[in-house]
C-alpha atoms as a PDB file:
ATOM      1  CA  MET A   1       0.224   0.166   0.190  1.00  0.00           C
ATOM      2  CA  ALA A   2       2.745   2.146   0.875  1.00  0.00           C
ATOM      3  CA  VAL A   3       4.562   2.005  -2.727  1.00  0.00           C
ATOM      4  CA  PHE A   4       0.818   2.979  -4.466  1.00  0.00           C
ATOM      5  CA  GLY A   5       0.792   6.394  -2.467  1.00  0.00           C
ATOM      6  CA  GLY A   6       3.979   6.863  -3.930  1.00  0.00           C
ATOM      7  CA  ILE A   7       6.190   6.171  -0.314  1.00  0.00           C
ATOM      8  CA  SER A   8       9.728   5.385  -1.768  1.00  0.00           C
ATOM      9  CA  SER A   9      11.195   1.811  -0.170  1.00  0.00           C
ATOM     10  CA  THR A  10      14.323   3.172  -0.060  1.00  0.00           C
ATOM     11  CA  GLY A  11      13.585   6.282   1.877  1.00  0.00           C
ATOM     12  CA  GLY A  12      13.124   9.977   1.490  1.00  0.00           C
ATOM     13  CA  LYS A  13       9.895  10.223  -0.506  1.00  0.00           C
ATOM     14  CA  GLY A  14       6.142  10.234   0.047  1.00  0.00           C
ATOM     15  CA  ASN A  15       4.343  11.464   2.300  1.00  0.00           C
ATOM     16  CA  ILE A  16       1.307  10.781   4.755  1.00  0.00           C
ATOM     17  CA  ALA A  17      -1.415  11.355   2.595  1.00  0.00           C
ATOM     18  CA  GLY A  18      -0.683   9.192  -0.098  1.00  0.00           C
ATOM     19  CA  GLY A  19      -0.291   5.981   1.835  1.00  0.00           C
ATOM     20  CA  LEU A  20      -3.810   7.430   3.210  1.00  0.00           C
ATOM     21  CA  ILE A  21      -5.021   7.383   0.396  1.00  0.00           C
ATOM     22  CA  SER A  22      -4.282   4.070  -1.279  1.00  0.00           C
ATOM     23  CA  ALA A  23      -4.599   2.318   1.999  1.00  0.00           C
ATOM     24  CA  PHE A  24      -8.334   3.649   0.526  1.00  0.00           C
ATOM     25  CA  ILE A  25      -8.871   2.675  -2.751  1.00  0.00           C
ATOM     26  CA  ILE A  26      -7.074  -0.808  -1.504  1.00  0.00           C
ATOM     27  CA  VAL A  27     -10.235  -1.466   1.004  1.00  0.00           C
ATOM     28  CA  CYS A  28     -12.483  -0.144  -1.803  1.00  0.00           C
ATOM     29  CA  LEU A  29     -10.922  -2.282  -3.750  1.00  0.00           C
ATOM     30  CA  ARG A  30     -11.209  -5.158  -1.851  1.00  0.00           C
ATOM     31  CA  VAL A  31     -14.889  -4.418   0.647  1.00  0.00           C
ATOM     32  CA  GLY A  32     -16.464  -3.233  -3.450  1.00  0.00           C
ATOM     33  CA  LEU A  33     -15.165  -6.932  -5.231  1.00  0.00           C
ATOM     34  CA  GLY A  34     -16.381  -8.801  -2.525  1.00  0.00           C
ATOM     35  CA  GLN A  35     -19.341  -7.499  -2.926  1.00  0.00           C
ATOM     36  CA  ARG A  36     -19.891  -8.197  -6.294  1.00  0.00           C
ATOM     37  CA  ASN A  37     -18.560 -12.211  -5.162  1.00  0.00           C
ATOM     38  CA  VAL A  38     -15.505 -12.028  -7.394  1.00  0.00           C
ATOM     39  CA  ASN A  39     -13.377 -14.202  -6.827  1.00  0.00           C
ATOM     40  CA  ALA A  40     -11.262 -14.507  -4.311  1.00  0.00           C
ATOM     41  CA  GLN A  41      -8.122 -14.961  -6.601  1.00  0.00           C
ATOM     42  CA  VAL A  42      -9.633 -12.291  -9.092  1.00  0.00           C
ATOM     43  CA  ILE A  43      -9.588  -9.915  -6.608  1.00  0.00           C
ATOM     44  CA  LEU A  44      -6.156 -10.492  -5.565  1.00  0.00           C
ATOM     45  CA  LEU A  45      -4.891  -9.860  -8.963  1.00  0.00           C
ATOM     46  CA  ILE A  46      -7.013  -6.795  -9.462  1.00  0.00           C
ATOM     47  CA  ILE A  47      -4.792  -5.683  -6.721  1.00  0.00           C
ATOM     48  CA  GLY A  48      -1.394  -7.107  -7.512  1.00  0.00           C
ATOM     49  CA  VAL A  49      -1.666  -5.290 -11.163  1.00  0.00           C
ATOM     50  CA  LEU A  50      -2.895  -2.470  -9.922  1.00  0.00           C
ATOM     51  CA  LEU A  51       1.154  -1.973  -7.629  1.00  0.00           C
ATOM     52  CA  ILE A  52       2.504  -3.492  -9.708  1.00  0.00           C
ATOM     53  CA  THR A  53       1.773  -0.654 -12.599  1.00  0.00           C
ATOM     54  CA  ALA A  54       2.113   1.627  -9.853  1.00  0.00           C
ATOM     55  CA  VAL A  55       6.333   0.307  -9.337  1.00  0.00           C
ATOM     56  CA  ALA A  56       6.459   0.165 -12.434  1.00  0.00           C
ATOM     57  CA  LEU A  57       5.244   3.494 -13.721  1.00  0.00           C
ATOM     58  CA  PRO A  58       7.567   6.015 -12.308  1.00  0.00           C
ATOM     59  CA  ASN A  59      10.307   4.388 -13.775  1.00  0.00           C
ATOM     60  CA  ILE A  60       8.368   4.091 -17.718  1.00  0.00           C
ATOM     61  CA  ILE A  61       8.026   8.020 -17.325  1.00  0.00           C
ATOM     62  CA  GLY A  62      12.055   8.549 -16.234  1.00  0.00           C
ATOM     63  CA  ASN A  63      13.292   6.225 -18.793  1.00  0.00           C
ATOM     64  CA  ALA A  64      10.431   8.609 -21.761  1.00  0.00           C
ATOM     65  CA  LYS A  65      11.865  11.340 -20.838  1.00  0.00           C
ATOM     66  CA  LYS A  66      15.660  10.337 -20.101  1.00  0.00           C
ATOM     67  CA  ALA A  67      15.005   9.199 -24.532  1.00  0.00           C
ATOM     68  CA  LEU A  68      13.444  12.254 -25.626  1.00  0.00           C
ATOM     69  CA  SER A  69      15.456  14.768 -23.632  1.00  0.00           C
ATOM     70  CA  MET A  70      18.731  12.538 -25.529  1.00  0.00           C
ATOM     71  CA  LYS A  71      16.331  13.442 -29.040  1.00  0.00           C
ATOM     72  CA  LYS A  72      16.739  16.940 -28.704  1.00  0.00           C
ATOM     73  CA  ASN A  73      20.201  16.949 -28.062  1.00  0.00           C
END
């Protein structure tokens, strides 16, 4: 939940608000999907994909910005 909220696992980045918002989103997903009788494994899969995307997205964006700046030079 912390990584999803923007808190760096290496420390030094992030804030409490991001962590609380991410916890709220994950709890709402679990409760909401559970009430819709979605299989528990599917709920875990959805949350896992969300977390993997949250970890990978900053790296993808950083690499894209770096590539664009190299093209300009």
